[in-house]
Amino acid sequence: MTTEHQIGAALLAESRSQLQACHRKALHCVEQLSDEQIWHRAGEGFNSIANLLLHLEGNIHQRILSLIGGEPDRRNRDQEFAERGPIAKAELVARFDDTLRRTDTLLAELPPQRLLETRQYPMLRGRVEGSFVALILHTLVHLGGHTQEIVSLTRHQLGDRYRFMQSTSK
C-alpha cells in the first residue's frame, strides 16, 4: 500500500469518526427535547433545532451523497430554514439518521484514490470547484459547527435538566 493510499484511508477513517461523533451528539440533544421544543426559536431571526436538522440533512445529502455518491440532488436550501413544522421529531430524526448512515457507508466504501476527484459545488460565495477531500472537510466543519449550535440551543432550553453525554473513553 502506497503512502498516498494510507493517507487517504486515514482521512476517510477520521472523517467517518467525526461524522459519527456529531451524529451521536445531535441525537443525544434531540432525544432530550419534545416535538415542540425542537421547533422553538429564540426569535424570528434564529433557527430552531428542527431547521438545523433539515439543513444538515440537506447539506450532507447534497455534498456527499449527491456530489460524491452520484445520487440526484434534491436540495431546497431556502426551505430548510423557512420550514416552521410541525414535522414530528421522529420523522426528522429518521431522515437525519438515514442520511448520516448512508454517508458513513459511502465514506467506508470510497476508494482513497478517488479523494482527488473534483466537483463544482455551491458555497455561500457562489460555485467553487474542489476535490472530494475539500467537499468532505467543508461538510464536516459545517456539521461540527451546527452540532455545537444544537448542543447550545438544547442546553439553553433545558438549563439544569440538560443531561451531558457520558464519556466512552476508558
N, C-alpha and C. Protein backbone atom coordinates (compact mmCIF):
# COMPACT_ATOMS: atom_id res chain seq x y z
N MET A 1 0.85 -1.17 0.00
CA MET A 1 0.00 0.00 0.00
C MET A 1 0.90 1.24 0.00
N THR A 2 0.59 2.18 -0.91
CA THR A 2 1.40 3.40 -1.01
C THR A 2 1.08 4.36 0.14
N THR A 3 1.99 5.26 0.36
CA THR A 3 1.78 6.28 1.40
C THR A 3 0.54 7.11 1.09
N GLU A 4 0.35 7.46 -0.19
CA GLU A 4 -0.82 8.24 -0.58
C GLU A 4 -2.11 7.49 -0.24
N HIS A 5 -2.12 6.20 -0.51
CA HIS A 5 -3.29 5.38 -0.21
C HIS A 5 -3.53 5.32 1.30
N GLN A 6 -2.45 5.20 2.07
CA GLN A 6 -2.57 5.17 3.53
C GLN A 6 -3.11 6.49 4.06
N ILE A 7 -2.63 7.59 3.51
CA ILE A 7 -3.11 8.91 3.94
C ILE A 7 -4.61 9.05 3.61
N GLY A 8 -4.99 8.64 2.41
CA GLY A 8 -6.39 8.70 2.02
C GLY A 8 -7.27 7.84 2.91
N ALA A 9 -6.81 6.64 3.20
CA ALA A 9 -7.57 5.73 4.07
C ALA A 9 -7.71 6.32 5.47
N ALA A 10 -6.64 6.93 5.97
CA ALA A 10 -6.68 7.54 7.30
C ALA A 10 -7.64 8.74 7.31
N LEU A 11 -7.63 9.54 6.25
CA LEU A 11 -8.54 10.68 6.16
C LEU A 11 -10.00 10.20 6.16
N LEU A 12 -10.28 9.16 5.41
CA LEU A 12 -11.65 8.65 5.36
C LEU A 12 -12.06 8.06 6.70
N ALA A 13 -11.16 7.35 7.36
CA ALA A 13 -11.48 6.78 8.68
C ALA A 13 -11.77 7.88 9.69
N GLU A 14 -10.95 8.91 9.70
CA GLU A 14 -11.18 10.02 10.64
C GLU A 14 -12.45 10.80 10.27
N SER A 15 -12.72 10.94 9.00
CA SER A 15 -13.95 11.61 8.56
C SER A 15 -15.18 10.86 9.07
N ARG A 16 -15.14 9.54 8.96
CA ARG A 16 -16.25 8.72 9.47
C ARG A 16 -16.38 8.87 10.98
N SER A 17 -15.26 8.91 11.68
CA SER A 17 -15.28 9.07 13.13
C SER A 17 -15.92 10.40 13.52
N GLN A 18 -15.56 11.47 12.84
CA GLN A 18 -16.12 12.79 13.13
C GLN A 18 -17.61 12.85 12.79
N LEU A 19 -17.99 12.26 11.67
CA LEU A 19 -19.39 12.19 11.27
C LEU A 19 -20.21 11.48 12.35
N GLN A 20 -19.71 10.35 12.81
CA GLN A 20 -20.42 9.57 13.82
C GLN A 20 -20.50 10.31 15.16
N ALA A 21 -19.43 11.01 15.53
CA ALA A 21 -19.43 11.76 16.79
C ALA A 21 -20.47 12.88 16.75
N CYS A 22 -20.54 13.60 15.65
CA CYS A 22 -21.54 14.67 15.53
C CYS A 22 -22.94 14.09 15.51
N HIS A 23 -23.11 12.97 14.84
CA HIS A 23 -24.41 12.29 14.80
C HIS A 23 -24.86 11.95 16.22
N ARG A 24 -23.97 11.35 17.00
CA ARG A 24 -24.31 10.98 18.38
C ARG A 24 -24.66 12.20 19.23
N LYS A 25 -23.88 13.27 19.11
CA LYS A 25 -24.13 14.49 19.90
C LYS A 25 -25.48 15.11 19.55
N ALA A 26 -25.77 15.21 18.27
CA ALA A 26 -27.04 15.81 17.85
C ALA A 26 -28.21 14.97 18.35
N LEU A 27 -28.12 13.65 18.20
CA LEU A 27 -29.20 12.79 18.66
C LEU A 27 -29.34 12.83 20.17
N HIS A 28 -28.23 12.90 20.88
CA HIS A 28 -28.26 12.99 22.35
C HIS A 28 -29.08 14.21 22.77
N CYS A 29 -28.93 15.30 22.08
CA CYS A 29 -29.68 16.51 22.40
C CYS A 29 -31.15 16.37 22.02
N VAL A 30 -31.41 15.96 20.80
CA VAL A 30 -32.78 15.87 20.31
C VAL A 30 -33.61 14.90 21.16
N GLU A 31 -32.99 13.83 21.63
CA GLU A 31 -33.71 12.85 22.46
C GLU A 31 -34.20 13.47 23.77
N GLN A 32 -33.58 14.54 24.21
CA GLN A 32 -33.97 15.19 25.47
C GLN A 32 -35.11 16.20 25.29
N LEU A 33 -35.48 16.45 24.07
CA LEU A 33 -36.45 17.51 23.77
C LEU A 33 -37.76 16.95 23.24
N SER A 34 -38.82 17.69 23.45
CA SER A 34 -40.14 17.34 22.90
C SER A 34 -40.23 17.82 21.46
N ASP A 35 -41.29 17.39 20.79
CA ASP A 35 -41.54 17.87 19.42
C ASP A 35 -41.64 19.40 19.41
N GLU A 36 -42.32 19.96 20.39
CA GLU A 36 -42.48 21.41 20.46
C GLU A 36 -41.13 22.10 20.68
N GLN A 37 -40.31 21.54 21.55
CA GLN A 37 -39.02 22.18 21.86
C GLN A 37 -38.07 22.18 20.67
N ILE A 38 -38.12 21.17 19.81
CA ILE A 38 -37.18 21.18 18.68
C ILE A 38 -37.54 22.25 17.65
N TRP A 39 -38.80 22.74 17.70
CA TRP A 39 -39.22 23.82 16.79
C TRP A 39 -39.10 25.20 17.43
N HIS A 40 -38.69 25.25 18.68
CA HIS A 40 -38.58 26.54 19.39
C HIS A 40 -37.51 27.42 18.74
N ARG A 41 -37.84 28.70 18.62
CA ARG A 41 -36.89 29.70 18.12
C ARG A 41 -36.77 30.80 19.17
N ALA A 42 -35.57 31.23 19.42
CA ALA A 42 -35.36 32.31 20.38
C ALA A 42 -35.90 33.63 19.84
N GLY A 43 -36.11 33.71 18.56
CA GLY A 43 -36.64 34.90 17.89
C GLY A 43 -36.78 34.59 16.42
N GLU A 44 -37.43 35.46 15.69
CA GLU A 44 -37.68 35.19 14.27
C GLU A 44 -36.38 35.03 13.48
N GLY A 45 -35.34 35.72 13.85
CA GLY A 45 -34.08 35.63 13.13
C GLY A 45 -33.20 34.46 13.52
N PHE A 46 -33.71 33.58 14.37
CA PHE A 46 -32.94 32.44 14.85
C PHE A 46 -33.48 31.14 14.26
N ASN A 47 -32.62 30.13 14.22
CA ASN A 47 -33.03 28.81 13.74
C ASN A 47 -33.52 27.96 14.90
N SER A 48 -34.42 27.06 14.58
CA SER A 48 -34.81 26.03 15.54
C SER A 48 -33.89 24.83 15.33
N ILE A 49 -33.87 23.94 16.29
CA ILE A 49 -33.10 22.70 16.14
C ILE A 49 -33.65 21.91 14.97
N ALA A 50 -34.97 21.92 14.79
CA ALA A 50 -35.57 21.20 13.66
C ALA A 50 -35.05 21.75 12.34
N ASN A 51 -34.97 23.08 12.22
CA ASN A 51 -34.43 23.66 10.99
C ASN A 51 -32.98 23.27 10.77
N LEU A 52 -32.21 23.21 11.86
CA LEU A 52 -30.81 22.80 11.73
C LEU A 52 -30.70 21.35 11.27
N LEU A 53 -31.57 20.47 11.77
CA LEU A 53 -31.56 19.08 11.32
C LEU A 53 -31.90 18.99 9.83
N LEU A 54 -32.92 19.74 9.41
CA LEU A 54 -33.27 19.76 7.99
C LEU A 54 -32.12 20.30 7.15
N HIS A 55 -31.49 21.35 7.64
CA HIS A 55 -30.37 21.97 6.92
C HIS A 55 -29.18 21.02 6.82
N LEU A 56 -28.83 20.38 7.91
CA LEU A 56 -27.71 19.44 7.88
C LEU A 56 -28.00 18.25 6.97
N GLU A 57 -29.21 17.73 7.05
CA GLU A 57 -29.58 16.60 6.19
C GLU A 57 -29.46 17.01 4.73
N GLY A 58 -29.96 18.21 4.40
CA GLY A 58 -29.88 18.69 3.02
C GLY A 58 -28.46 18.91 2.55
N ASN A 59 -27.65 19.54 3.41
CA ASN A 59 -26.26 19.83 3.07
C ASN A 59 -25.44 18.55 2.88
N ILE A 60 -25.58 17.63 3.80
CA ILE A 60 -24.80 16.39 3.72
C ILE A 60 -25.24 15.55 2.53
N HIS A 61 -26.55 15.51 2.29
CA HIS A 61 -27.04 14.75 1.13
C HIS A 61 -26.47 15.35 -0.16
N GLN A 62 -26.55 16.68 -0.26
CA GLN A 62 -26.08 17.33 -1.48
C GLN A 62 -24.58 17.13 -1.69
N ARG A 63 -23.80 17.41 -0.65
CA ARG A 63 -22.35 17.42 -0.82
C ARG A 63 -21.73 16.03 -0.89
N ILE A 64 -22.23 15.10 -0.09
CA ILE A 64 -21.59 13.78 -0.04
C ILE A 64 -22.36 12.77 -0.90
N LEU A 65 -23.63 12.59 -0.61
CA LEU A 65 -24.38 11.56 -1.31
C LEU A 65 -24.63 11.90 -2.77
N SER A 66 -24.81 13.18 -3.08
CA SER A 66 -25.07 13.58 -4.45
C SER A 66 -23.77 13.84 -5.22
N LEU A 67 -22.96 14.77 -4.73
CA LEU A 67 -21.76 15.14 -5.49
C LEU A 67 -20.71 14.03 -5.53
N ILE A 68 -20.54 13.32 -4.44
CA ILE A 68 -19.55 12.23 -4.42
C ILE A 68 -20.21 10.91 -4.79
N GLY A 69 -21.39 10.65 -4.24
CA GLY A 69 -22.05 9.36 -4.43
C GLY A 69 -22.89 9.24 -5.68
N GLY A 70 -23.21 10.36 -6.32
CA GLY A 70 -23.95 10.31 -7.58
C GLY A 70 -25.47 10.28 -7.45
N GLU A 71 -26.00 10.41 -6.23
CA GLU A 71 -27.45 10.46 -6.08
C GLU A 71 -27.98 11.77 -6.65
N PRO A 72 -29.25 11.80 -7.05
CA PRO A 72 -29.82 13.06 -7.53
C PRO A 72 -29.81 14.12 -6.43
N ASP A 73 -29.56 15.37 -6.82
CA ASP A 73 -29.57 16.49 -5.88
C ASP A 73 -31.00 16.99 -5.78
N ARG A 74 -31.58 16.83 -4.60
CA ARG A 74 -32.98 17.22 -4.38
C ARG A 74 -33.08 18.36 -3.37
N ARG A 75 -31.98 19.02 -3.13
CA ARG A 75 -31.94 20.01 -2.05
C ARG A 75 -32.70 21.28 -2.37
N ASN A 76 -33.41 21.80 -1.34
CA ASN A 76 -34.05 23.11 -1.38
C ASN A 76 -33.59 23.84 -0.12
N ARG A 77 -32.44 24.48 -0.19
CA ARG A 77 -31.82 25.11 0.98
C ARG A 77 -32.72 26.14 1.65
N ASP A 78 -33.38 26.97 0.85
CA ASP A 78 -34.23 28.00 1.43
C ASP A 78 -35.35 27.39 2.27
N GLN A 79 -35.91 26.28 1.81
CA GLN A 79 -37.00 25.64 2.54
C GLN A 79 -36.52 25.04 3.87
N GLU A 80 -35.25 24.64 3.93
CA GLU A 80 -34.71 24.10 5.18
C GLU A 80 -34.86 25.11 6.32
N PHE A 81 -34.70 26.37 6.01
CA PHE A 81 -34.79 27.43 7.02
C PHE A 81 -36.20 28.02 7.13
N ALA A 82 -36.96 27.95 6.05
CA ALA A 82 -38.31 28.52 6.05
C ALA A 82 -39.32 27.62 6.75
N GLU A 83 -39.05 26.33 6.81
CA GLU A 83 -39.99 25.36 7.41
C GLU A 83 -40.30 25.75 8.85
N ARG A 84 -41.57 25.71 9.19
CA ARG A 84 -42.00 26.01 10.55
C ARG A 84 -42.71 24.82 11.19
N GLY A 85 -42.76 23.70 10.47
CA GLY A 85 -43.36 22.50 11.02
C GLY A 85 -44.87 22.59 11.08
N PRO A 86 -45.47 21.72 11.81
CA PRO A 86 -44.74 20.74 12.63
C PRO A 86 -44.44 19.47 11.84
N ILE A 87 -43.19 19.16 11.74
CA ILE A 87 -42.76 17.83 11.29
C ILE A 87 -42.36 17.13 12.58
N ALA A 88 -42.88 15.95 12.80
CA ALA A 88 -42.63 15.23 14.06
C ALA A 88 -41.14 14.97 14.23
N LYS A 89 -40.72 15.04 15.48
CA LYS A 89 -39.32 14.77 15.83
C LYS A 89 -38.89 13.42 15.28
N ALA A 90 -39.74 12.40 15.41
CA ALA A 90 -39.38 11.06 14.94
C ALA A 90 -39.07 11.05 13.44
N GLU A 91 -39.83 11.81 12.66
CA GLU A 91 -39.59 11.88 11.22
C GLU A 91 -38.28 12.61 10.92
N LEU A 92 -38.05 13.74 11.60
CA LEU A 92 -36.81 14.48 11.39
C LEU A 92 -35.59 13.63 11.75
N VAL A 93 -35.68 12.93 12.87
CA VAL A 93 -34.57 12.07 13.30
C VAL A 93 -34.36 10.94 12.30
N ALA A 94 -35.44 10.34 11.81
CA ALA A 94 -35.31 9.24 10.84
C ALA A 94 -34.62 9.72 9.56
N ARG A 95 -34.97 10.91 9.09
CA ARG A 95 -34.35 11.45 7.88
C ARG A 95 -32.87 11.75 8.12
N PHE A 96 -32.58 12.37 9.25
CA PHE A 96 -31.21 12.71 9.61
C PHE A 96 -30.38 11.43 9.76
N ASP A 97 -30.92 10.45 10.50
CA ASP A 97 -30.23 9.16 10.68
C ASP A 97 -29.93 8.50 9.35
N ASP A 98 -30.93 8.43 8.50
CA ASP A 98 -30.77 7.77 7.21
C ASP A 98 -29.66 8.42 6.39
N THR A 99 -29.67 9.74 6.32
CA THR A 99 -28.65 10.45 5.55
C THR A 99 -27.26 10.23 6.14
N LEU A 100 -27.13 10.31 7.45
CA LEU A 100 -25.80 10.14 8.05
C LEU A 100 -25.32 8.69 7.97
N ARG A 101 -26.20 7.75 8.08
CA ARG A 101 -25.78 6.34 7.94
C ARG A 101 -25.37 6.02 6.51
N ARG A 102 -26.11 6.53 5.54
CA ARG A 102 -25.74 6.30 4.14
C ARG A 102 -24.43 7.01 3.80
N THR A 103 -24.23 8.18 4.40
CA THR A 103 -22.97 8.91 4.20
C THR A 103 -21.81 8.11 4.78
N ASP A 104 -22.00 7.57 5.97
CA ASP A 104 -20.96 6.76 6.59
C ASP A 104 -20.63 5.55 5.71
N THR A 105 -21.63 4.91 5.17
CA THR A 105 -21.41 3.76 4.28
C THR A 105 -20.64 4.17 3.04
N LEU A 106 -21.03 5.31 2.45
CA LEU A 106 -20.33 5.79 1.25
C LEU A 106 -18.86 6.06 1.56
N LEU A 107 -18.60 6.73 2.69
CA LEU A 107 -17.20 7.01 3.04
C LEU A 107 -16.43 5.73 3.34
N ALA A 108 -17.09 4.75 3.93
CA ALA A 108 -16.43 3.47 4.23
C ALA A 108 -16.04 2.74 2.94
N GLU A 109 -16.83 2.92 1.90
CA GLU A 109 -16.60 2.20 0.65
C GLU A 109 -15.85 3.01 -0.40
N LEU A 110 -15.61 4.30 -0.14
CA LEU A 110 -14.96 5.16 -1.11
C LEU A 110 -13.48 4.80 -1.25
N PRO A 111 -13.03 4.44 -2.44
CA PRO A 111 -11.60 4.15 -2.61
C PRO A 111 -10.78 5.43 -2.39
N PRO A 112 -9.72 5.35 -1.58
CA PRO A 112 -8.92 6.55 -1.28
C PRO A 112 -8.40 7.27 -2.53
N GLN A 113 -8.16 6.54 -3.60
CA GLN A 113 -7.63 7.19 -4.81
C GLN A 113 -8.65 8.13 -5.45
N ARG A 114 -9.93 8.05 -5.06
CA ARG A 114 -10.95 8.97 -5.60
C ARG A 114 -10.97 10.30 -4.88
N LEU A 115 -10.25 10.44 -3.78
CA LEU A 115 -10.31 11.66 -2.98
C LEU A 115 -9.84 12.91 -3.74
N LEU A 116 -9.06 12.74 -4.78
CA LEU A 116 -8.58 13.89 -5.54
C LEU A 116 -9.47 14.24 -6.72
N GLU A 117 -10.54 13.46 -6.96
CA GLU A 117 -11.50 13.84 -8.00
C GLU A 117 -12.13 15.18 -7.61
N THR A 118 -12.56 15.94 -8.61
CA THR A 118 -13.14 17.26 -8.32
C THR A 118 -14.58 17.35 -8.79
N ARG A 119 -15.30 18.26 -8.15
CA ARG A 119 -16.67 18.59 -8.50
C ARG A 119 -16.89 20.07 -8.24
N GLN A 120 -17.83 20.65 -8.97
CA GLN A 120 -18.27 22.00 -8.65
C GLN A 120 -19.38 21.88 -7.63
N TYR A 121 -19.36 22.76 -6.64
CA TYR A 121 -20.40 22.72 -5.62
C TYR A 121 -20.67 24.12 -5.10
N PRO A 122 -21.90 24.31 -4.58
CA PRO A 122 -22.28 25.64 -4.10
C PRO A 122 -21.68 25.96 -2.74
N MET A 123 -21.21 27.17 -2.61
CA MET A 123 -20.79 27.76 -1.34
C MET A 123 -21.51 29.10 -1.26
N LEU A 124 -21.51 29.71 -0.12
CA LEU A 124 -22.22 30.99 0.02
C LEU A 124 -21.73 32.03 -0.97
N ARG A 125 -20.47 31.97 -1.35
CA ARG A 125 -19.92 32.96 -2.27
C ARG A 125 -20.10 32.56 -3.74
N GLY A 126 -20.82 31.50 -4.00
CA GLY A 126 -21.05 31.03 -5.37
C GLY A 126 -20.54 29.61 -5.53
N ARG A 127 -20.47 29.17 -6.77
CA ARG A 127 -20.00 27.81 -7.03
C ARG A 127 -18.47 27.79 -7.04
N VAL A 128 -17.91 26.76 -6.45
CA VAL A 128 -16.47 26.57 -6.44
C VAL A 128 -16.17 25.16 -6.92
N GLU A 129 -14.97 24.95 -7.35
CA GLU A 129 -14.54 23.60 -7.72
C GLU A 129 -13.57 23.12 -6.66
N GLY A 130 -13.77 21.90 -6.23
CA GLY A 130 -12.89 21.35 -5.21
C GLY A 130 -12.85 19.85 -5.28
N SER A 131 -11.86 19.32 -4.62
CA SER A 131 -11.68 17.86 -4.58
C SER A 131 -12.67 17.23 -3.62
N PHE A 132 -12.78 15.92 -3.67
CA PHE A 132 -13.60 15.20 -2.70
C PHE A 132 -13.09 15.46 -1.29
N VAL A 133 -11.78 15.61 -1.14
CA VAL A 133 -11.22 15.95 0.17
C VAL A 133 -11.83 17.27 0.66
N ALA A 134 -11.85 18.27 -0.21
CA ALA A 134 -12.42 19.57 0.16
C ALA A 134 -13.91 19.44 0.50
N LEU A 135 -14.65 18.70 -0.31
CA LEU A 135 -16.08 18.50 -0.04
C LEU A 135 -16.29 17.86 1.33
N ILE A 136 -15.54 16.83 1.61
CA ILE A 136 -15.68 16.11 2.88
C ILE A 136 -15.31 17.02 4.04
N LEU A 137 -14.18 17.72 3.94
CA LEU A 137 -13.74 18.59 5.03
C LEU A 137 -14.70 19.75 5.25
N HIS A 138 -15.14 20.41 4.19
CA HIS A 138 -16.11 21.51 4.34
C HIS A 138 -17.40 21.01 4.98
N THR A 139 -17.84 19.83 4.58
CA THR A 139 -19.08 19.28 5.12
C THR A 139 -18.93 18.95 6.60
N LEU A 140 -17.80 18.38 6.98
CA LEU A 140 -17.59 18.04 8.39
C LEU A 140 -17.45 19.28 9.28
N VAL A 141 -16.78 20.30 8.79
CA VAL A 141 -16.67 21.55 9.56
C VAL A 141 -18.06 22.15 9.75
N HIS A 142 -18.84 22.16 8.70
CA HIS A 142 -20.21 22.66 8.74
C HIS A 142 -21.05 21.84 9.72
N LEU A 143 -20.96 20.53 9.64
CA LEU A 143 -21.69 19.65 10.55
C LEU A 143 -21.27 19.89 12.00
N GLY A 144 -19.98 20.01 12.24
CA GLY A 144 -19.50 20.24 13.60
C GLY A 144 -19.99 21.55 14.19
N GLY A 145 -19.99 22.60 13.38
CA GLY A 145 -20.47 23.89 13.85
C GLY A 145 -21.94 23.86 14.23
N HIS A 146 -22.75 23.29 13.36
CA HIS A 146 -24.18 23.22 13.65
C HIS A 146 -24.49 22.22 14.76
N THR A 147 -23.67 21.20 14.91
CA THR A 147 -23.86 20.26 16.02
C THR A 147 -23.66 21.00 17.34
N GLN A 148 -22.63 21.82 17.42
CA GLN A 148 -22.42 22.61 18.64
C GLN A 148 -23.56 23.60 18.87
N GLU A 149 -24.10 24.12 17.79
CA GLU A 149 -25.25 25.02 17.90
C GLU A 149 -26.45 24.25 18.48
N ILE A 150 -26.66 23.01 18.05
CA ILE A 150 -27.74 22.18 18.59
C ILE A 150 -27.51 21.92 20.08
N VAL A 151 -26.27 21.64 20.47
CA VAL A 151 -25.95 21.44 21.88
C VAL A 151 -26.28 22.70 22.67
N SER A 152 -25.85 23.84 22.17
CA SER A 152 -26.08 25.10 22.87
C SER A 152 -27.57 25.42 22.99
N LEU A 153 -28.31 25.24 21.92
CA LEU A 153 -29.75 25.50 21.96
C LEU A 153 -30.46 24.55 22.92
N THR A 154 -30.02 23.30 22.95
CA THR A 154 -30.61 22.33 23.87
C THR A 154 -30.33 22.73 25.31
N ARG A 155 -29.09 23.06 25.59
CA ARG A 155 -28.72 23.46 26.96
C ARG A 155 -29.46 24.72 27.38
N HIS A 156 -29.63 25.64 26.47
CA HIS A 156 -30.35 26.87 26.78
C HIS A 156 -31.81 26.57 27.15
N GLN A 157 -32.43 25.68 26.40
CA GLN A 157 -33.83 25.34 26.69
C GLN A 157 -33.99 24.53 27.97
N LEU A 158 -33.08 23.61 28.20
CA LEU A 158 -33.24 22.69 29.33
C LEU A 158 -32.59 23.19 30.62
N GLY A 159 -31.62 24.05 30.51
CA GLY A 159 -30.95 24.54 31.72
C GLY A 159 -30.38 23.38 32.53
N ASP A 160 -30.69 23.34 33.82
CA ASP A 160 -30.16 22.31 34.72
C ASP A 160 -30.66 20.90 34.39
N ARG A 161 -31.69 20.80 33.59
CA ARG A 161 -32.22 19.47 33.23
C ARG A 161 -31.45 18.83 32.07
N TYR A 162 -30.53 19.58 31.46
CA TYR A 162 -29.73 19.02 30.36
C TYR A 162 -28.87 17.87 30.90
N ARG A 163 -28.90 16.75 30.20
CA ARG A 163 -28.07 15.59 30.56
C ARG A 163 -26.84 15.56 29.64
N PHE A 164 -25.68 15.66 30.23
CA PHE A 164 -24.44 15.59 29.46
C PHE A 164 -24.21 14.17 28.97
N MET A 165 -23.51 14.07 27.83
CA MET A 165 -23.16 12.75 27.31
C MET A 165 -22.13 12.11 28.24
N GLN A 166 -22.25 10.82 28.40
CA GLN A 166 -21.27 10.08 29.16
C GLN A 166 -20.08 9.79 28.27
N SER A 167 -18.89 9.95 28.79
CA SER A 167 -17.68 9.67 28.03
C SER A 167 -17.58 8.18 27.75
N THR A 168 -17.14 7.86 26.53
CA THR A 168 -16.95 6.46 26.17
C THR A 168 -15.48 6.07 26.24
N SER A 169 -14.61 7.01 26.63
CA SER A 169 -13.19 6.68 26.73
C SER A 169 -12.91 6.01 28.07
N LYS A 170 -11.85 5.21 28.08
CA LYS A 170 -11.50 4.47 29.31
C LYS A 170 -10.27 5.04 29.95
